[in-house]
């Protein structure tokens, strides 16, 4: 099973990339794809298509394009549920301490990270940011322990 995670511009510009990646690695999640990108308007509109027409849509597009983004494809058993628990509630002010948002965010507008919320979302979102050839298949040496 795979999921998409984006370290959004505020996470990149606040130098939280390494801390965020280490949380996934320490949990035993395999990183199958990883790159830093500038999100184009087309990519942003495709990614946030579900929010088109909502009052905050334009600000989402502007925000995700405002700086570099680190895109990751994470892989593993129950990876979507595990990732969502590590990420925390969308609103950083309400996210539990110990989660990424709970530790590093205090708002809904600048919440550092995006994670797919379902298999359908992951299947839709991953091809927006990754070509199939950019997702690498390998086994972790600690696979039998995790």
N, C-alpha and C. Protein backbone atom coordinates (compact mmCIF):
# COMPACT_ATOMS: atom_id res chain seq x y z
N UNK A 1 0.85 -1.17 0.00
CA UNK A 1 0.00 0.00 0.00
C UNK A 1 0.90 1.24 0.00
N UNK A 2 0.47 2.28 -0.72
CA UNK A 2 1.23 3.51 -0.82
C UNK A 2 0.38 4.71 -0.41
N UNK A 3 1.07 5.79 -0.04
CA UNK A 3 0.41 7.06 0.24
C UNK A 3 1.32 8.20 -0.19
N UNK A 4 0.71 9.35 -0.41
CA UNK A 4 1.48 10.55 -0.75
C UNK A 4 1.59 11.43 0.48
N UNK A 5 2.78 11.96 0.70
CA UNK A 5 3.01 12.95 1.75
C UNK A 5 3.73 14.13 1.10
N UNK A 6 3.27 15.32 1.42
CA UNK A 6 3.94 16.55 0.98
C UNK A 6 4.37 17.33 2.20
N UNK A 7 5.64 17.71 2.26
CA UNK A 7 6.08 18.69 3.23
C UNK A 7 5.85 20.02 2.53
N UNK A 8 4.89 20.77 3.03
CA UNK A 8 4.45 22.00 2.37
C UNK A 8 5.49 23.12 2.54
N UNK A 9 5.30 24.22 1.81
CA UNK A 9 6.30 25.30 1.86
C UNK A 9 6.69 25.76 3.27
N UNK A 10 5.74 25.84 4.20
CA UNK A 10 6.11 26.30 5.54
C UNK A 10 6.99 25.28 6.24
N UNK A 11 6.79 24.00 5.99
CA UNK A 11 7.64 22.97 6.58
C UNK A 11 9.04 22.99 6.00
N UNK A 12 9.14 23.23 4.69
CA UNK A 12 10.45 23.32 4.03
C UNK A 12 11.18 24.57 4.51
N UNK A 13 10.51 25.71 4.49
CA UNK A 13 11.16 26.97 4.83
C UNK A 13 11.51 27.08 6.31
N UNK A 14 10.83 26.30 7.16
CA UNK A 14 11.15 26.26 8.58
C UNK A 14 12.17 25.18 8.91
N UNK A 15 12.72 24.53 7.87
CA UNK A 15 13.78 23.53 8.01
C UNK A 15 13.33 22.31 8.82
N UNK A 16 12.13 21.83 8.55
CA UNK A 16 11.57 20.67 9.25
C UNK A 16 11.60 19.39 8.41
N UNK A 17 12.20 19.44 7.23
CA UNK A 17 12.20 18.28 6.33
C UNK A 17 12.78 17.05 7.02
N UNK A 18 13.97 17.17 7.55
CA UNK A 18 14.65 16.03 8.17
C UNK A 18 13.89 15.46 9.34
N UNK A 19 13.37 16.33 10.20
CA UNK A 19 12.60 15.86 11.36
C UNK A 19 11.35 15.12 10.92
N UNK A 20 10.69 15.63 9.88
CA UNK A 20 9.47 14.99 9.39
C UNK A 20 9.80 13.62 8.78
N UNK A 21 10.79 13.56 7.91
CA UNK A 21 11.17 12.29 7.29
C UNK A 21 11.58 11.28 8.35
N UNK A 22 12.32 11.71 9.35
CA UNK A 22 12.79 10.76 10.37
C UNK A 22 11.64 10.13 11.14
N UNK A 23 10.54 10.85 11.31
CA UNK A 23 9.39 10.27 12.01
C UNK A 23 8.83 9.07 11.25
N UNK A 24 8.77 9.19 9.93
CA UNK A 24 8.27 8.07 9.12
C UNK A 24 9.28 6.92 9.12
N UNK A 25 10.55 7.23 8.94
CA UNK A 25 11.57 6.18 8.94
C UNK A 25 11.64 5.47 10.29
N UNK A 26 11.57 6.23 11.38
CA UNK A 26 11.64 5.62 12.71
C UNK A 26 10.45 4.71 12.98
N UNK A 27 9.34 4.95 12.33
CA UNK A 27 8.15 4.11 12.49
C UNK A 27 8.23 2.85 11.62
N UNK A 28 9.21 2.80 10.72
CA UNK A 28 9.36 1.62 9.87
C UNK A 28 8.72 1.75 8.51
N UNK A 29 8.30 2.95 8.16
CA UNK A 29 7.67 3.19 6.86
C UNK A 29 8.78 3.35 5.81
N UNK A 30 8.57 2.73 4.67
CA UNK A 30 9.55 2.78 3.59
C UNK A 30 9.28 3.97 2.68
N UNK A 31 10.31 4.73 2.38
CA UNK A 31 10.20 5.83 1.43
C UNK A 31 10.49 5.27 0.04
N UNK A 32 9.48 5.27 -0.81
CA UNK A 32 9.61 4.71 -2.15
C UNK A 32 9.89 5.78 -3.20
N UNK A 33 9.60 7.04 -2.88
CA UNK A 33 9.87 8.16 -3.77
C UNK A 33 10.08 9.41 -2.95
N UNK A 34 11.02 10.25 -3.38
CA UNK A 34 11.33 11.46 -2.61
C UNK A 34 11.95 12.50 -3.54
N UNK A 35 11.39 13.71 -3.53
CA UNK A 35 11.98 14.79 -4.33
C UNK A 35 11.47 16.14 -3.85
N UNK A 36 12.28 17.18 -4.13
CA UNK A 36 11.86 18.55 -3.85
C UNK A 36 11.43 19.17 -5.18
N UNK A 37 10.29 19.84 -5.14
CA UNK A 37 9.73 20.39 -6.37
C UNK A 37 9.14 21.78 -6.12
N UNK A 38 8.93 22.49 -7.21
CA UNK A 38 8.08 23.68 -7.21
C UNK A 38 6.77 23.23 -7.83
N UNK A 39 5.68 23.39 -7.10
CA UNK A 39 4.38 22.95 -7.59
C UNK A 39 3.85 23.94 -8.61
N UNK A 40 3.53 23.43 -9.80
CA UNK A 40 2.96 24.28 -10.85
C UNK A 40 1.49 24.55 -10.56
N UNK A 41 0.94 25.53 -11.23
CA UNK A 41 -0.48 25.83 -11.05
C UNK A 41 -1.34 24.64 -11.46
N UNK A 42 -0.96 23.98 -12.55
CA UNK A 42 -1.71 22.80 -13.01
C UNK A 42 -1.70 21.70 -11.94
N UNK A 43 -0.53 21.43 -11.37
CA UNK A 43 -0.43 20.41 -10.32
C UNK A 43 -1.28 20.80 -9.11
N UNK A 44 -1.19 22.05 -8.70
CA UNK A 44 -1.94 22.53 -7.54
C UNK A 44 -3.43 22.39 -7.77
N UNK A 45 -3.89 22.78 -8.95
CA UNK A 45 -5.32 22.70 -9.26
C UNK A 45 -5.80 21.24 -9.31
N UNK A 46 -4.99 20.34 -9.82
CA UNK A 46 -5.35 18.92 -9.83
C UNK A 46 -5.39 18.37 -8.41
N UNK A 47 -4.37 18.73 -7.63
CA UNK A 47 -4.28 18.22 -6.26
C UNK A 47 -5.46 18.68 -5.40
N UNK A 48 -5.84 19.93 -5.54
CA UNK A 48 -6.91 20.50 -4.71
C UNK A 48 -8.25 20.56 -5.43
N UNK A 49 -8.43 19.78 -6.50
CA UNK A 49 -9.67 19.81 -7.29
C UNK A 49 -10.91 19.56 -6.44
N UNK A 50 -10.79 18.74 -5.42
CA UNK A 50 -11.93 18.42 -4.55
C UNK A 50 -12.44 19.67 -3.81
N UNK A 51 -11.58 20.68 -3.68
CA UNK A 51 -11.96 21.91 -2.97
C UNK A 51 -12.37 23.06 -3.90
N UNK A 52 -12.35 22.80 -5.21
CA UNK A 52 -12.72 23.85 -6.18
C UNK A 52 -14.10 24.39 -5.84
N UNK A 53 -14.24 25.71 -5.82
CA UNK A 53 -15.51 26.35 -5.53
C UNK A 53 -15.67 26.72 -4.06
N UNK A 54 -14.83 26.20 -3.20
CA UNK A 54 -14.90 26.54 -1.78
C UNK A 54 -14.18 27.86 -1.54
N UNK A 55 -14.57 28.60 -0.50
CA UNK A 55 -13.99 29.93 -0.28
C UNK A 55 -12.47 29.94 -0.09
N UNK A 56 -11.90 28.84 0.37
CA UNK A 56 -10.46 28.80 0.65
C UNK A 56 -9.63 28.21 -0.50
N UNK A 57 -10.28 27.85 -1.59
CA UNK A 57 -9.59 27.19 -2.71
C UNK A 57 -8.43 28.02 -3.25
N UNK A 58 -8.67 29.29 -3.55
CA UNK A 58 -7.61 30.13 -4.12
C UNK A 58 -6.42 30.26 -3.18
N UNK A 59 -6.68 30.36 -1.89
CA UNK A 59 -5.57 30.49 -0.94
C UNK A 59 -4.78 29.18 -0.85
N UNK A 60 -5.44 28.02 -1.00
CA UNK A 60 -4.72 26.75 -1.03
C UNK A 60 -3.75 26.69 -2.21
N UNK A 61 -4.24 27.10 -3.37
CA UNK A 61 -3.42 27.09 -4.58
C UNK A 61 -2.22 28.02 -4.41
N UNK A 62 -2.47 29.22 -3.94
CA UNK A 62 -1.40 30.20 -3.74
C UNK A 62 -0.37 29.68 -2.74
N UNK A 63 -0.84 29.10 -1.65
CA UNK A 63 0.04 28.61 -0.59
C UNK A 63 0.95 27.47 -1.06
N UNK A 64 0.40 26.46 -1.73
CA UNK A 64 1.20 25.31 -2.14
C UNK A 64 2.22 25.69 -3.22
N UNK A 65 1.98 26.81 -3.91
CA UNK A 65 2.90 27.30 -4.93
C UNK A 65 3.87 28.34 -4.39
N UNK A 66 3.78 28.69 -3.12
CA UNK A 66 4.55 29.80 -2.55
C UNK A 66 6.01 29.47 -2.25
N UNK A 67 6.39 28.23 -2.32
CA UNK A 67 7.77 27.85 -2.04
C UNK A 67 7.97 26.38 -2.37
N UNK A 68 9.17 25.88 -2.13
CA UNK A 68 9.43 24.48 -2.45
C UNK A 68 8.62 23.52 -1.59
N UNK A 69 8.35 22.36 -2.16
CA UNK A 69 7.60 21.29 -1.51
C UNK A 69 8.44 20.02 -1.62
N UNK A 70 8.47 19.22 -0.57
CA UNK A 70 9.10 17.91 -0.63
C UNK A 70 7.98 16.88 -0.76
N UNK A 71 8.01 16.14 -1.85
CA UNK A 71 7.00 15.13 -2.13
C UNK A 71 7.58 13.75 -1.86
N UNK A 72 6.77 12.91 -1.20
CA UNK A 72 7.20 11.56 -0.86
C UNK A 72 6.10 10.56 -1.17
N UNK A 73 6.50 9.41 -1.64
CA UNK A 73 5.62 8.26 -1.69
C UNK A 73 6.10 7.33 -0.58
N UNK A 74 5.22 7.07 0.36
CA UNK A 74 5.53 6.17 1.46
C UNK A 74 4.82 4.86 1.23
N UNK A 75 5.44 3.77 1.68
CA UNK A 75 4.90 2.45 1.40
C UNK A 75 5.01 1.56 2.63
N UNK A 76 3.99 0.74 2.83
CA UNK A 76 4.01 -0.22 3.91
C UNK A 76 2.62 -0.68 4.27
N UNK A 77 2.56 -1.65 5.15
CA UNK A 77 1.28 -2.17 5.63
C UNK A 77 0.59 -1.08 6.44
N UNK A 78 -0.68 -0.83 6.13
CA UNK A 78 -1.49 0.18 6.83
C UNK A 78 -0.85 1.57 6.80
N UNK A 79 -0.09 1.86 5.76
CA UNK A 79 0.68 3.10 5.70
C UNK A 79 -0.20 4.36 5.77
N UNK A 80 -1.39 4.30 5.20
CA UNK A 80 -2.25 5.49 5.23
C UNK A 80 -2.69 5.80 6.65
N UNK A 81 -3.18 4.81 7.36
CA UNK A 81 -3.62 5.03 8.75
C UNK A 81 -2.45 5.44 9.65
N UNK A 82 -1.33 4.76 9.52
CA UNK A 82 -0.16 5.07 10.35
C UNK A 82 0.32 6.49 10.06
N UNK A 83 0.40 6.84 8.79
CA UNK A 83 0.86 8.18 8.41
C UNK A 83 -0.07 9.25 8.95
N UNK A 84 -1.38 9.04 8.82
CA UNK A 84 -2.33 10.04 9.31
C UNK A 84 -2.21 10.23 10.82
N UNK A 85 -1.95 9.15 11.55
CA UNK A 85 -1.75 9.27 13.00
C UNK A 85 -0.48 10.05 13.32
N UNK A 86 0.59 9.80 12.57
CA UNK A 86 1.84 10.54 12.79
C UNK A 86 1.70 12.01 12.45
N UNK A 87 0.90 12.32 11.42
CA UNK A 87 0.71 13.70 10.97
C UNK A 87 -0.13 14.50 11.95
N UNK A 88 -1.23 13.94 12.46
CA UNK A 88 -2.10 14.64 13.39
C UNK A 88 -3.23 15.38 12.71
N UNK A 89 -4.07 15.98 13.52
CA UNK A 89 -5.26 16.71 13.03
C UNK A 89 -4.86 17.84 12.09
N UNK A 90 -5.74 18.13 11.12
CA UNK A 90 -5.47 19.16 10.12
C UNK A 90 -5.15 20.51 10.75
N UNK A 91 -5.88 20.86 11.78
CA UNK A 91 -5.63 22.12 12.48
C UNK A 91 -4.55 21.88 13.53
N UNK A 92 -3.39 22.47 13.32
CA UNK A 92 -2.27 22.28 14.23
C UNK A 92 -2.58 22.66 15.67
N UNK A 93 -3.48 23.62 15.85
CA UNK A 93 -3.86 24.05 17.21
C UNK A 93 -4.62 22.95 17.94
N UNK A 94 -5.21 22.02 17.19
CA UNK A 94 -5.99 20.94 17.79
C UNK A 94 -5.29 19.59 17.70
N UNK A 95 -4.15 19.55 17.05
CA UNK A 95 -3.42 18.30 16.88
C UNK A 95 -2.74 17.90 18.19
N UNK A 96 -2.73 16.61 18.44
CA UNK A 96 -2.14 16.07 19.67
C UNK A 96 -0.63 16.29 19.71
N UNK A 97 -0.08 16.62 20.87
CA UNK A 97 1.38 16.66 21.01
C UNK A 97 1.95 15.29 20.65
N UNK A 98 3.11 15.28 20.03
CA UNK A 98 3.71 14.03 19.58
C UNK A 98 3.46 13.77 18.11
N UNK A 99 2.45 14.44 17.53
CA UNK A 99 2.23 14.35 16.09
C UNK A 99 3.04 15.45 15.42
N UNK A 100 3.22 15.33 14.12
CA UNK A 100 3.99 16.35 13.39
C UNK A 100 3.32 17.71 13.52
N UNK A 101 2.03 17.77 13.25
CA UNK A 101 1.33 19.05 13.36
C UNK A 101 1.21 19.51 14.81
N UNK A 102 1.02 18.58 15.73
CA UNK A 102 0.92 18.94 17.14
C UNK A 102 2.20 19.52 17.69
N UNK A 103 3.33 19.09 17.15
CA UNK A 103 4.62 19.57 17.62
C UNK A 103 5.11 20.82 16.89
N UNK A 104 4.70 21.00 15.62
CA UNK A 104 5.30 22.07 14.83
C UNK A 104 4.32 23.09 14.25
N UNK A 105 3.01 22.92 14.45
CA UNK A 105 2.04 23.83 13.85
C UNK A 105 1.03 24.28 14.90
N UNK A 106 0.55 25.51 14.72
CA UNK A 106 -0.49 26.01 15.62
C UNK A 106 -1.65 26.62 14.85
N UNK A 107 -1.78 26.24 13.56
CA UNK A 107 -2.87 26.78 12.76
C UNK A 107 -3.33 25.77 11.72
N UNK A 108 -4.43 26.09 11.09
CA UNK A 108 -4.93 25.26 10.00
C UNK A 108 -4.34 25.71 8.67
N UNK A 109 -3.95 26.98 8.59
CA UNK A 109 -3.43 27.53 7.35
C UNK A 109 -2.00 27.09 7.06
N UNK A 110 -1.18 27.02 8.10
CA UNK A 110 0.22 26.63 7.94
C UNK A 110 0.45 25.38 8.79
N UNK A 111 0.08 24.22 8.23
CA UNK A 111 0.12 22.99 8.99
C UNK A 111 1.18 22.01 8.51
N UNK A 112 2.16 22.51 7.79
CA UNK A 112 3.40 21.84 7.41
C UNK A 112 3.33 20.67 6.45
N UNK A 113 2.24 19.92 6.45
CA UNK A 113 2.28 18.63 5.77
C UNK A 113 0.92 18.22 5.22
N UNK A 114 0.95 17.48 4.13
CA UNK A 114 -0.26 16.87 3.58
C UNK A 114 -0.02 15.37 3.55
N UNK A 115 -1.05 14.60 3.86
CA UNK A 115 -1.00 13.14 3.72
C UNK A 115 -2.33 12.66 3.15
N UNK A 116 -2.26 11.79 2.16
CA UNK A 116 -3.48 11.23 1.58
C UNK A 116 -4.35 10.62 2.67
N UNK A 117 -5.68 10.79 2.53
CA UNK A 117 -6.58 10.32 3.59
C UNK A 117 -7.25 8.98 3.28
N UNK A 118 -6.98 8.42 2.10
CA UNK A 118 -7.60 7.14 1.73
C UNK A 118 -6.81 6.53 0.57
N UNK A 119 -7.09 5.27 0.30
CA UNK A 119 -6.46 4.61 -0.85
C UNK A 119 -6.83 5.32 -2.14
N UNK A 120 -8.10 5.70 -2.28
CA UNK A 120 -8.54 6.41 -3.49
C UNK A 120 -7.80 7.73 -3.65
N UNK A 121 -7.66 8.48 -2.55
CA UNK A 121 -6.93 9.75 -2.61
C UNK A 121 -5.47 9.52 -2.99
N UNK A 122 -4.84 8.53 -2.37
CA UNK A 122 -3.44 8.24 -2.69
C UNK A 122 -3.28 7.87 -4.16
N UNK A 123 -4.17 7.03 -4.66
CA UNK A 123 -4.11 6.63 -6.07
C UNK A 123 -4.31 7.80 -7.02
N UNK A 124 -5.09 8.78 -6.60
CA UNK A 124 -5.32 9.98 -7.40
C UNK A 124 -4.13 10.94 -7.29
N UNK A 125 -3.61 11.11 -6.08
CA UNK A 125 -2.60 12.15 -5.83
C UNK A 125 -1.18 11.75 -6.26
N UNK A 126 -0.79 10.51 -6.07
CA UNK A 126 0.59 10.12 -6.37
C UNK A 126 0.98 10.45 -7.81
N UNK A 127 0.15 10.13 -8.83
CA UNK A 127 0.55 10.44 -10.21
C UNK A 127 0.63 11.94 -10.52
N UNK A 128 0.06 12.78 -9.69
CA UNK A 128 0.20 14.22 -9.90
C UNK A 128 1.65 14.63 -9.66
N UNK A 129 2.30 13.99 -8.72
CA UNK A 129 3.63 14.40 -8.29
C UNK A 129 4.75 13.45 -8.71
N UNK A 130 4.42 12.22 -9.08
CA UNK A 130 5.44 11.22 -9.41
C UNK A 130 5.10 10.46 -10.69
N UNK A 131 6.15 10.27 -11.52
CA UNK A 131 6.05 9.31 -12.62
C UNK A 131 6.27 7.93 -12.01
N UNK A 132 5.75 6.92 -12.65
CA UNK A 132 5.92 5.56 -12.15
C UNK A 132 7.39 5.20 -11.99
N UNK A 133 8.24 5.69 -12.91
CA UNK A 133 9.68 5.38 -12.87
C UNK A 133 10.40 6.03 -11.69
N UNK A 134 9.76 6.99 -11.02
CA UNK A 134 10.37 7.66 -9.87
C UNK A 134 10.08 6.97 -8.54
N UNK A 135 9.28 5.93 -8.59
CA UNK A 135 8.95 5.18 -7.38
C UNK A 135 9.78 3.90 -7.40
N UNK A 136 10.61 3.76 -6.38
CA UNK A 136 11.61 2.70 -6.35
C UNK A 136 11.17 1.57 -5.42
N UNK A 137 11.34 0.35 -5.89
CA UNK A 137 11.01 -0.83 -5.09
C UNK A 137 12.29 -1.40 -4.50
N UNK A 138 12.36 -1.50 -3.20
CA UNK A 138 13.49 -2.11 -2.50
C UNK A 138 12.98 -2.58 -1.14
N UNK A 139 13.76 -3.39 -0.46
CA UNK A 139 13.36 -3.87 0.86
C UNK A 139 14.30 -3.30 1.92
N UNK A 140 13.69 -2.88 3.01
CA UNK A 140 14.48 -2.42 4.15
C UNK A 140 15.16 -3.62 4.79
N UNK A 141 16.35 -3.42 5.35
CA UNK A 141 17.06 -4.53 5.99
C UNK A 141 16.37 -4.96 7.28
N UNK A 142 15.57 -4.08 7.88
CA UNK A 142 14.88 -4.41 9.14
C UNK A 142 13.44 -4.84 8.91
N UNK A 143 13.11 -5.20 7.67
CA UNK A 143 11.72 -5.55 7.33
C UNK A 143 11.14 -6.65 8.23
N UNK A 144 11.91 -7.65 8.54
CA UNK A 144 11.40 -8.77 9.34
C UNK A 144 11.10 -8.35 10.79
N UNK A 145 11.66 -7.26 11.25
CA UNK A 145 11.42 -6.79 12.62
C UNK A 145 10.23 -5.86 12.71
N UNK A 146 9.83 -5.29 11.59
CA UNK A 146 8.78 -4.25 11.63
C UNK A 146 7.41 -4.80 11.30
